[in-house]
């Protein structure tokens, strides 16, 4: 499928409300970098690998990701930075999971690319404001934990299933002991 015609828009001027992503792309041999960047924009927004009847039901200009700039990576043959802008209407408010699933969830196994890596992401203030954060504010959380001047991090114990209660407890203890 030729994505370049729809999703490569070098004249697009980004908006303050766009989520901006910079992907390092290594196209497959014979795939132009503009097509590779457009494919990333398409597959991470409104495009799909084949034509589907619901294509006509979507306001493409409102929801599509746009690859608006491509530049070669200095010193790296066949690698490019593809800059992609996503409209906020594409994402569920207050959902990091939805945002990352959309942007990076489906594109990393894409056939037009030999390699793909998300290098940078700019999340606009308008989207950040949709996240509620802790119900009492960060200072109350820090006071409860007596932890100041550093990030507060969590972890998921792996494996999620199959540990005995004793071994799960040991894993939790080691996690908490680390800070």
N, C-alpha and C. Protein backbone atom coordinates (compact mmCIF):
# COMPACT_ATOMS: atom_id res chain seq x y z
N UNK A 1 0.85 -1.18 0.00
CA UNK A 1 0.00 0.00 0.00
C UNK A 1 0.89 1.24 0.00
N UNK A 2 0.55 2.23 -0.81
CA UNK A 2 1.35 3.45 -0.92
C UNK A 2 0.85 4.49 0.09
N UNK A 3 1.59 4.63 1.18
CA UNK A 3 1.19 5.56 2.25
C UNK A 3 1.64 6.99 1.97
N UNK A 4 2.67 7.14 1.16
CA UNK A 4 3.30 8.45 0.96
C UNK A 4 2.30 9.51 0.51
N UNK A 5 1.38 9.14 -0.37
CA UNK A 5 0.43 10.11 -0.91
C UNK A 5 -0.47 10.72 0.16
N UNK A 6 -0.80 9.95 1.18
CA UNK A 6 -1.75 10.41 2.20
C UNK A 6 -1.08 10.85 3.49
N UNK A 7 -0.01 10.19 3.89
CA UNK A 7 0.55 10.40 5.23
C UNK A 7 1.89 11.14 5.26
N UNK A 8 2.49 11.39 4.10
CA UNK A 8 3.71 12.20 4.06
C UNK A 8 3.29 13.60 3.65
N UNK A 9 3.37 14.54 4.59
CA UNK A 9 2.89 15.90 4.36
C UNK A 9 3.97 16.90 4.76
N UNK A 10 4.97 17.10 3.90
CA UNK A 10 6.10 17.97 4.25
C UNK A 10 5.72 19.44 4.44
N UNK A 11 4.55 19.85 3.96
CA UNK A 11 4.11 21.23 4.14
C UNK A 11 3.34 21.44 5.44
N UNK A 12 3.11 20.37 6.19
CA UNK A 12 2.31 20.47 7.42
C UNK A 12 3.06 21.29 8.47
N UNK A 13 2.37 22.23 9.07
CA UNK A 13 2.93 23.02 10.17
C UNK A 13 2.35 22.46 11.47
N UNK A 14 3.23 22.00 12.34
CA UNK A 14 2.77 21.38 13.58
C UNK A 14 2.04 22.40 14.45
N UNK A 15 1.12 21.86 15.25
CA UNK A 15 0.33 22.69 16.17
C UNK A 15 0.83 22.47 17.59
N UNK A 16 0.58 23.43 18.45
CA UNK A 16 0.96 23.30 19.86
C UNK A 16 0.26 22.13 20.52
N UNK A 17 -0.85 21.69 19.95
CA UNK A 17 -1.61 20.59 20.53
C UNK A 17 -1.26 19.23 19.95
N UNK A 18 -0.38 19.17 18.96
CA UNK A 18 0.03 17.89 18.39
C UNK A 18 0.99 17.15 19.32
N UNK A 19 0.84 15.83 19.37
CA UNK A 19 1.88 14.99 19.97
C UNK A 19 2.90 14.75 18.87
N UNK A 20 4.16 15.06 19.15
CA UNK A 20 5.22 14.95 18.15
C UNK A 20 6.16 13.81 18.52
N UNK A 21 6.39 12.94 17.55
CA UNK A 21 7.28 11.80 17.76
C UNK A 21 8.41 11.84 16.74
N UNK A 22 9.59 11.46 17.18
CA UNK A 22 10.74 11.32 16.29
C UNK A 22 11.15 9.85 16.29
N UNK A 23 11.04 9.21 15.14
CA UNK A 23 11.39 7.81 14.99
C UNK A 23 12.67 7.68 14.18
N UNK A 24 13.58 6.83 14.63
CA UNK A 24 14.72 6.44 13.80
C UNK A 24 14.25 5.26 12.96
N UNK A 25 14.26 5.44 11.65
CA UNK A 25 13.78 4.39 10.76
C UNK A 25 14.92 3.90 9.86
N UNK A 26 14.94 2.62 9.65
CA UNK A 26 15.82 1.99 8.66
C UNK A 26 14.91 1.26 7.69
N UNK A 27 14.67 1.88 6.53
CA UNK A 27 13.77 1.24 5.56
C UNK A 27 14.36 -0.04 4.98
N UNK A 28 13.49 -0.92 4.54
CA UNK A 28 13.92 -2.09 3.78
C UNK A 28 14.56 -1.59 2.48
N UNK A 29 15.48 -2.36 1.91
CA UNK A 29 16.06 -1.95 0.62
C UNK A 29 14.97 -1.68 -0.42
N UNK A 30 15.12 -0.56 -1.11
CA UNK A 30 14.15 -0.19 -2.14
C UNK A 30 12.98 0.64 -1.65
N UNK A 31 12.83 0.80 -0.33
CA UNK A 31 11.74 1.61 0.22
C UNK A 31 12.28 3.01 0.49
N UNK A 32 11.73 4.04 -0.18
CA UNK A 32 12.20 5.40 0.05
C UNK A 32 11.92 5.84 1.50
N UNK A 33 12.78 6.69 2.07
CA UNK A 33 12.57 7.12 3.46
C UNK A 33 11.23 7.81 3.68
N UNK A 34 10.75 8.55 2.69
CA UNK A 34 9.45 9.23 2.83
C UNK A 34 8.32 8.21 2.95
N UNK A 35 8.42 7.13 2.20
CA UNK A 35 7.42 6.06 2.29
C UNK A 35 7.49 5.37 3.64
N UNK A 36 8.71 5.14 4.14
CA UNK A 36 8.88 4.51 5.46
C UNK A 36 8.29 5.38 6.55
N UNK A 37 8.59 6.68 6.52
CA UNK A 37 8.03 7.61 7.52
C UNK A 37 6.52 7.70 7.43
N UNK A 38 6.01 7.74 6.20
CA UNK A 38 4.56 7.79 6.00
C UNK A 38 3.90 6.51 6.50
N UNK A 39 4.55 5.38 6.30
CA UNK A 39 4.01 4.11 6.77
C UNK A 39 3.92 4.08 8.29
N UNK A 40 4.93 4.62 8.97
CA UNK A 40 4.89 4.70 10.43
C UNK A 40 3.73 5.59 10.87
N UNK A 41 3.58 6.76 10.23
CA UNK A 41 2.48 7.66 10.57
C UNK A 41 1.13 6.99 10.35
N UNK A 42 1.01 6.26 9.25
CA UNK A 42 -0.26 5.60 8.93
C UNK A 42 -0.58 4.49 9.91
N UNK A 43 0.36 3.57 10.08
CA UNK A 43 0.12 2.39 10.91
C UNK A 43 -0.07 2.74 12.38
N UNK A 44 0.46 3.88 12.81
CA UNK A 44 0.30 4.28 14.21
C UNK A 44 -0.89 5.23 14.40
N UNK A 45 -1.68 5.43 13.35
CA UNK A 45 -2.87 6.27 13.50
C UNK A 45 -4.05 5.62 12.79
N UNK A 46 -4.38 6.06 11.59
CA UNK A 46 -5.61 5.61 10.94
C UNK A 46 -5.42 4.60 9.82
N UNK A 47 -4.19 4.33 9.43
CA UNK A 47 -3.94 3.44 8.30
C UNK A 47 -3.91 1.98 8.68
N UNK A 48 -4.02 1.16 7.67
CA UNK A 48 -3.87 -0.28 7.84
C UNK A 48 -3.26 -0.82 6.56
N UNK A 49 -2.77 -2.03 6.61
CA UNK A 49 -2.02 -2.61 5.49
C UNK A 49 -2.88 -2.91 4.27
N UNK A 50 -4.19 -2.89 4.44
CA UNK A 50 -5.08 -3.19 3.31
C UNK A 50 -6.25 -2.21 3.32
N UNK A 51 -6.97 -2.15 2.23
CA UNK A 51 -8.15 -1.29 2.16
C UNK A 51 -9.31 -1.99 2.86
N UNK A 52 -9.98 -1.25 3.73
CA UNK A 52 -11.14 -1.79 4.44
C UNK A 52 -12.33 -0.87 4.19
N UNK A 53 -13.53 -1.42 4.26
CA UNK A 53 -14.72 -0.65 3.93
C UNK A 53 -14.94 0.52 4.88
N UNK A 54 -14.39 0.45 6.10
CA UNK A 54 -14.59 1.52 7.07
C UNK A 54 -13.69 2.73 6.82
N UNK A 55 -12.76 2.62 5.85
CA UNK A 55 -11.90 3.77 5.53
C UNK A 55 -12.72 5.02 5.22
N UNK A 56 -13.82 4.85 4.51
CA UNK A 56 -14.65 5.98 4.13
C UNK A 56 -15.45 6.57 5.27
N UNK A 57 -15.48 5.90 6.40
CA UNK A 57 -16.26 6.38 7.55
C UNK A 57 -15.43 7.24 8.49
N UNK A 58 -14.14 7.35 8.24
CA UNK A 58 -13.23 8.08 9.12
C UNK A 58 -12.89 9.44 8.53
N UNK A 59 -12.89 10.46 9.36
CA UNK A 59 -12.43 11.78 8.94
C UNK A 59 -10.91 11.76 8.99
N UNK A 60 -10.31 11.32 7.89
CA UNK A 60 -8.87 11.10 7.84
C UNK A 60 -8.08 12.35 8.21
N UNK A 61 -8.46 13.50 7.70
CA UNK A 61 -7.70 14.72 8.00
C UNK A 61 -7.74 15.08 9.48
N UNK A 62 -8.79 14.67 10.16
CA UNK A 62 -8.90 14.99 11.59
C UNK A 62 -8.05 14.06 12.45
N UNK A 63 -7.93 12.79 12.06
CA UNK A 63 -7.33 11.79 12.93
C UNK A 63 -5.97 11.25 12.49
N UNK A 64 -5.57 11.47 11.27
CA UNK A 64 -4.36 10.79 10.78
C UNK A 64 -3.08 11.39 11.36
N UNK A 65 -2.10 10.52 11.55
CA UNK A 65 -0.76 10.97 11.86
C UNK A 65 -0.13 11.47 10.57
N UNK A 66 0.78 12.42 10.71
CA UNK A 66 1.41 13.01 9.53
C UNK A 66 2.93 12.98 9.68
N UNK A 67 3.60 12.33 8.74
CA UNK A 67 5.06 12.41 8.68
C UNK A 67 5.37 13.72 7.97
N UNK A 68 5.87 14.70 8.72
CA UNK A 68 6.05 16.03 8.16
C UNK A 68 7.50 16.37 7.84
N UNK A 69 8.44 15.52 8.27
CA UNK A 69 9.85 15.81 7.98
C UNK A 69 10.66 14.53 8.09
N UNK A 70 11.62 14.40 7.20
CA UNK A 70 12.56 13.26 7.21
C UNK A 70 13.96 13.85 7.07
N UNK A 71 14.87 13.35 7.88
CA UNK A 71 16.27 13.78 7.71
C UNK A 71 17.18 12.58 7.94
N UNK A 72 18.30 12.53 7.21
CA UNK A 72 19.23 11.41 7.42
C UNK A 72 19.92 11.51 8.77
N UNK A 73 20.25 10.37 9.35
CA UNK A 73 21.02 10.33 10.59
C UNK A 73 22.49 10.47 10.20
N UNK A 74 23.16 11.51 10.69
CA UNK A 74 24.56 11.71 10.32
C UNK A 74 25.42 10.49 10.68
N UNK A 75 26.21 10.05 9.72
CA UNK A 75 27.13 8.95 9.95
C UNK A 75 26.51 7.57 9.94
N UNK A 76 25.21 7.48 9.69
CA UNK A 76 24.51 6.18 9.68
C UNK A 76 23.87 5.97 8.31
N UNK A 77 24.42 5.04 7.55
CA UNK A 77 23.90 4.78 6.23
C UNK A 77 22.50 4.15 6.30
N UNK A 78 21.61 4.66 5.51
CA UNK A 78 20.24 4.13 5.39
C UNK A 78 19.40 4.30 6.64
N UNK A 79 19.79 5.22 7.54
CA UNK A 79 18.96 5.51 8.71
C UNK A 79 18.48 6.95 8.62
N UNK A 80 17.24 7.16 9.03
CA UNK A 80 16.62 8.47 8.93
C UNK A 80 15.82 8.74 10.20
N UNK A 81 15.65 10.02 10.51
CA UNK A 81 14.71 10.41 11.56
C UNK A 81 13.43 10.86 10.86
N UNK A 82 12.35 10.19 11.17
CA UNK A 82 11.03 10.53 10.63
C UNK A 82 10.25 11.23 11.74
N UNK A 83 9.84 12.46 11.48
CA UNK A 83 9.08 13.24 12.45
C UNK A 83 7.60 13.10 12.13
N UNK A 84 6.83 12.69 13.14
CA UNK A 84 5.41 12.42 12.94
C UNK A 84 4.60 13.25 13.94
N UNK A 85 3.56 13.90 13.44
CA UNK A 85 2.65 14.68 14.28
C UNK A 85 1.32 13.94 14.38
N UNK A 86 0.81 13.85 15.61
CA UNK A 86 -0.48 13.19 15.86
C UNK A 86 -1.44 14.20 16.46
N UNK A 87 -2.68 14.29 15.95
CA UNK A 87 -3.66 15.19 16.55
C UNK A 87 -4.18 14.61 17.87
N UNK A 88 -4.49 15.48 18.81
CA UNK A 88 -4.98 15.01 20.11
C UNK A 88 -6.27 14.22 20.00
N UNK A 89 -7.09 14.52 19.00
CA UNK A 89 -8.36 13.80 18.84
C UNK A 89 -8.17 12.30 18.64
N UNK A 90 -6.96 11.89 18.30
CA UNK A 90 -6.66 10.48 18.08
C UNK A 90 -6.57 9.69 19.39
N UNK A 91 -6.41 10.38 20.52
CA UNK A 91 -6.10 9.72 21.78
C UNK A 91 -7.18 9.92 22.84
N UNK A 92 -7.31 8.92 23.69
CA UNK A 92 -8.20 9.00 24.85
C UNK A 92 -7.56 9.92 25.89
N UNK A 93 -8.33 10.83 26.43
CA UNK A 93 -7.80 11.74 27.44
C UNK A 93 -7.36 10.97 28.68
N UNK A 94 -6.23 11.38 29.24
CA UNK A 94 -5.75 10.82 30.50
C UNK A 94 -5.28 9.38 30.43
N UNK A 95 -4.95 8.87 29.25
CA UNK A 95 -4.56 7.47 29.13
C UNK A 95 -3.18 7.33 28.49
N UNK A 96 -2.18 7.11 29.32
CA UNK A 96 -0.83 6.85 28.83
C UNK A 96 -0.84 5.56 28.01
N UNK A 97 -1.57 4.57 28.48
CA UNK A 97 -1.64 3.29 27.79
C UNK A 97 -2.16 3.46 26.37
N UNK A 98 -3.24 4.20 26.20
CA UNK A 98 -3.81 4.43 24.88
C UNK A 98 -2.81 5.16 23.99
N UNK A 99 -2.15 6.18 24.51
CA UNK A 99 -1.20 6.95 23.72
C UNK A 99 -0.05 6.07 23.22
N UNK A 100 0.58 5.34 24.15
CA UNK A 100 1.72 4.52 23.75
C UNK A 100 1.32 3.33 22.89
N UNK A 101 0.16 2.74 23.15
CA UNK A 101 -0.30 1.65 22.31
C UNK A 101 -0.51 2.14 20.88
N UNK A 102 -1.07 3.32 20.74
CA UNK A 102 -1.29 3.88 19.41
C UNK A 102 0.02 4.21 18.71
N UNK A 103 0.92 4.87 19.41
CA UNK A 103 2.15 5.36 18.77
C UNK A 103 3.16 4.24 18.52
N UNK A 104 3.35 3.35 19.47
CA UNK A 104 4.39 2.33 19.30
C UNK A 104 3.88 0.90 19.36
N UNK A 105 2.60 0.71 19.54
CA UNK A 105 2.10 -0.65 19.75
C UNK A 105 2.06 -1.54 18.54
N UNK A 106 1.89 -0.99 17.36
CA UNK A 106 1.66 -1.84 16.19
C UNK A 106 2.70 -1.66 15.10
N UNK A 107 3.62 -0.75 15.25
CA UNK A 107 4.49 -0.39 14.13
C UNK A 107 5.84 -1.07 14.12
N UNK A 108 6.25 -1.67 15.21
CA UNK A 108 7.62 -2.17 15.29
C UNK A 108 7.87 -3.44 14.50
N UNK A 109 6.85 -4.13 14.06
CA UNK A 109 7.04 -5.30 13.22
C UNK A 109 6.67 -5.03 11.78
N UNK A 110 6.63 -3.78 11.41
CA UNK A 110 6.14 -3.36 10.10
C UNK A 110 7.10 -3.77 8.99
N UNK A 111 6.58 -4.34 7.90
CA UNK A 111 7.40 -4.94 6.85
C UNK A 111 8.19 -3.93 6.02
N UNK A 112 7.78 -2.68 5.94
CA UNK A 112 8.51 -1.68 5.15
C UNK A 112 9.83 -1.28 5.81
N UNK A 113 10.00 -1.69 7.07
CA UNK A 113 11.16 -1.25 7.84
C UNK A 113 12.03 -2.42 8.27
N UNK A 114 13.32 -2.21 8.22
CA UNK A 114 14.26 -3.18 8.80
C UNK A 114 14.39 -2.94 10.29
N UNK A 115 14.32 -1.65 10.69
CA UNK A 115 14.44 -1.30 12.11
C UNK A 115 13.69 -0.01 12.37
N UNK A 116 13.21 0.12 13.60
CA UNK A 116 12.46 1.31 14.01
C UNK A 116 12.69 1.52 15.49
N UNK A 117 12.93 2.78 15.87
CA UNK A 117 13.10 3.10 17.29
C UNK A 117 12.51 4.47 17.56
N UNK A 118 11.70 4.57 18.59
CA UNK A 118 11.18 5.86 19.03
C UNK A 118 12.31 6.58 19.74
N UNK A 119 12.73 7.73 19.22
CA UNK A 119 13.86 8.48 19.77
C UNK A 119 13.42 9.59 20.72
N UNK A 120 12.28 10.21 20.41
CA UNK A 120 11.84 11.35 21.21
C UNK A 120 10.33 11.50 21.07
N UNK A 121 9.73 12.10 22.09
CA UNK A 121 8.29 12.30 22.10
C UNK A 121 8.00 13.60 22.83
N UNK A 122 7.21 14.47 22.20
CA UNK A 122 6.78 15.71 22.85
C UNK A 122 5.28 15.61 23.09
N UNK A 123 4.91 15.68 24.35
CA UNK A 123 3.51 15.61 24.73
C UNK A 123 3.06 17.02 25.07
N UNK A 124 2.06 17.55 24.38
CA UNK A 124 1.66 18.93 24.61
C UNK A 124 0.96 19.14 25.95
N UNK A 125 1.05 20.34 26.43
CA UNK A 125 0.43 20.70 27.71
C UNK A 125 -1.06 20.38 27.71
N UNK A 126 -1.73 20.59 26.59
CA UNK A 126 -3.17 20.32 26.52
C UNK A 126 -3.48 18.86 26.85
N UNK A 127 -2.60 17.94 26.45
CA UNK A 127 -2.82 16.52 26.76
C UNK A 127 -2.38 16.20 28.18
N UNK A 128 -1.27 16.76 28.60
CA UNK A 128 -0.77 16.52 29.97
C UNK A 128 -1.84 16.92 30.99
N UNK A 129 -2.56 17.99 30.72
CA UNK A 129 -3.59 18.47 31.66
C UNK A 129 -4.76 17.51 31.80
N UNK A 130 -4.88 16.52 30.91
CA UNK A 130 -5.97 15.55 31.03
C UNK A 130 -5.65 14.45 32.03
N UNK A 131 -4.42 14.39 32.52
CA UNK A 131 -4.02 13.38 33.50
C UNK A 131 -4.26 13.94 34.90
N UNK A 132 -5.00 13.19 35.72
CA UNK A 132 -5.38 13.69 37.03
C UNK A 132 -4.25 13.65 38.04
N UNK A 133 -3.38 12.69 37.96
CA UNK A 133 -2.31 12.59 38.94
C UNK A 133 -2.84 12.06 40.26
N UNK A 134 -2.01 12.07 41.29
CA UNK A 134 -2.45 11.58 42.60
C UNK A 134 -3.64 12.40 43.11
N UNK A 135 -4.58 11.76 43.81
CA UNK A 135 -5.79 12.46 44.24
C UNK A 135 -5.52 13.58 45.24
N UNK A 136 -4.38 13.54 45.95
CA UNK A 136 -4.10 14.55 46.96
C UNK A 136 -2.91 15.42 46.59
N UNK A 137 -2.32 15.20 45.45
CA UNK A 137 -1.15 15.97 45.05
C UNK A 137 0.13 15.25 45.43
N UNK A 138 1.18 15.59 44.74
CA UNK A 138 2.45 14.91 44.91
C UNK A 138 3.05 15.13 46.30
N UNK A 139 2.83 16.31 46.89
CA UNK A 139 3.42 16.57 48.20
C UNK A 139 2.85 15.65 49.27
N UNK A 140 1.54 15.39 49.23
CA UNK A 140 0.92 14.47 50.19
C UNK A 140 1.50 13.07 50.00
N UNK A 141 1.67 12.64 48.74
CA UNK A 141 2.24 11.32 48.48
C UNK A 141 3.67 11.23 49.01
N UNK A 142 4.46 12.27 48.80
CA UNK A 142 5.84 12.28 49.30
C UNK A 142 5.86 12.27 50.83
N UNK A 143 4.95 13.02 51.45
CA UNK A 143 4.88 13.05 52.92
C UNK A 143 4.54 11.66 53.47
N UNK A 144 3.58 10.97 52.83
CA UNK A 144 3.21 9.63 53.28
C UNK A 144 4.39 8.67 53.21
N UNK A 145 5.18 8.80 52.15
CA UNK A 145 6.31 7.89 51.93
C UNK A 145 7.61 8.38 52.57
N UNK A 146 7.60 9.64 53.00
CA UNK A 146 8.81 10.27 53.53
C UNK A 146 9.96 10.19 52.52
N UNK A 147 9.64 10.46 51.25
CA UNK A 147 10.63 10.44 50.16
C UNK A 147 10.57 11.77 49.43
N UNK A 148 11.71 12.44 49.37
CA UNK A 148 11.78 13.76 48.76
C UNK A 148 12.99 13.85 47.83
N UNK A 149 12.93 14.76 46.89
CA UNK A 149 14.08 15.08 46.06
C UNK A 149 14.49 14.00 45.06
N UNK A 150 13.58 13.08 44.75
CA UNK A 150 13.89 12.04 43.77
C UNK A 150 12.59 11.53 43.18
N UNK A 151 12.68 10.86 42.04
CA UNK A 151 11.45 10.30 41.44
C UNK A 151 10.87 9.19 42.31
N UNK A 152 9.57 9.02 42.24
CA UNK A 152 8.90 7.90 42.88
C UNK A 152 8.62 6.86 41.80
N UNK A 153 9.15 5.68 41.98
CA UNK A 153 9.03 4.63 40.97
C UNK A 153 8.32 3.41 41.53
N UNK A 154 7.71 2.64 40.66
CA UNK A 154 7.08 1.39 41.05
C UNK A 154 7.58 0.29 40.14
N UNK A 155 7.18 -0.93 40.42
CA UNK A 155 7.59 -2.03 39.55
C UNK A 155 6.52 -3.10 39.55
N UNK A 156 6.58 -3.94 38.55
CA UNK A 156 5.72 -5.11 38.45
C UNK A 156 6.58 -6.33 38.67
N UNK A 157 6.17 -7.17 39.59
CA UNK A 157 6.93 -8.38 39.89
C UNK A 157 6.76 -9.35 38.72
N UNK A 158 7.87 -9.88 38.25
CA UNK A 158 7.85 -10.87 37.16
C UNK A 158 8.46 -12.16 37.66
N UNK A 159 7.96 -13.28 37.33
CA UNK A 159 6.75 -13.45 36.52
C UNK A 159 5.51 -13.04 37.31
N UNK A 160 4.49 -12.58 36.59
CA UNK A 160 3.26 -12.15 37.25
C UNK A 160 2.52 -13.33 37.87
N UNK A 161 2.66 -14.49 37.28
CA UNK A 161 1.97 -15.69 37.75
C UNK A 161 2.98 -16.80 38.00
N UNK A 162 2.64 -17.71 38.91
CA UNK A 162 3.45 -18.90 39.10
C UNK A 162 4.38 -18.89 40.29
N UNK A 163 4.57 -17.75 40.93
CA UNK A 163 5.42 -17.72 42.12
C UNK A 163 4.62 -18.19 43.33
N UNK A 164 5.27 -18.91 44.22
CA UNK A 164 4.62 -19.26 45.49
C UNK A 164 4.47 -17.97 46.30
N UNK A 165 3.63 -18.01 47.31
CA UNK A 165 3.44 -16.84 48.17
C UNK A 165 4.76 -16.42 48.80
N UNK A 166 5.55 -17.40 49.23
CA UNK A 166 6.84 -17.10 49.86
C UNK A 166 7.79 -16.41 48.87
N UNK A 167 7.90 -16.95 47.66
CA UNK A 167 8.80 -16.35 46.67
C UNK A 167 8.29 -15.01 46.16
N UNK A 168 6.97 -14.88 46.07
CA UNK A 168 6.41 -13.58 45.69
C UNK A 168 6.76 -12.55 46.75
N UNK A 169 6.62 -12.92 48.01
CA UNK A 169 6.99 -12.04 49.11
C UNK A 169 8.45 -11.65 49.07
N UNK A 170 9.32 -12.60 48.76
CA UNK A 170 10.75 -12.31 48.64
C UNK A 170 11.01 -11.29 47.53
N UNK A 171 10.32 -11.48 46.40
CA UNK A 171 10.50 -10.57 45.27
C UNK A 171 10.01 -9.16 45.61
N UNK A 172 8.86 -9.08 46.29
CA UNK A 172 8.34 -7.77 46.72
C UNK A 172 9.31 -7.12 47.70
N UNK A 173 9.82 -7.89 48.66
CA UNK A 173 10.77 -7.36 49.63
C UNK A 173 12.00 -6.79 48.92
N UNK A 174 12.56 -7.53 47.98
CA UNK A 174 13.76 -7.07 47.27
C UNK A 174 13.46 -5.80 46.46
N UNK A 175 12.29 -5.74 45.89
CA UNK A 175 11.89 -4.55 45.13
C UNK A 175 11.79 -3.34 46.06
N UNK A 176 11.10 -3.51 47.18
CA UNK A 176 10.93 -2.41 48.12
C UNK A 176 12.25 -2.02 48.78
N UNK A 177 13.08 -2.98 49.04
CA UNK A 177 14.38 -2.71 49.65
C UNK A 177 15.24 -1.83 48.74
N UNK A 178 15.06 -2.00 47.44
CA UNK A 178 15.83 -1.21 46.49
C UNK A 178 15.40 0.25 46.44
N UNK A 179 14.31 0.59 47.06
CA UNK A 179 13.94 1.99 47.09
C UNK A 179 12.61 2.26 46.52
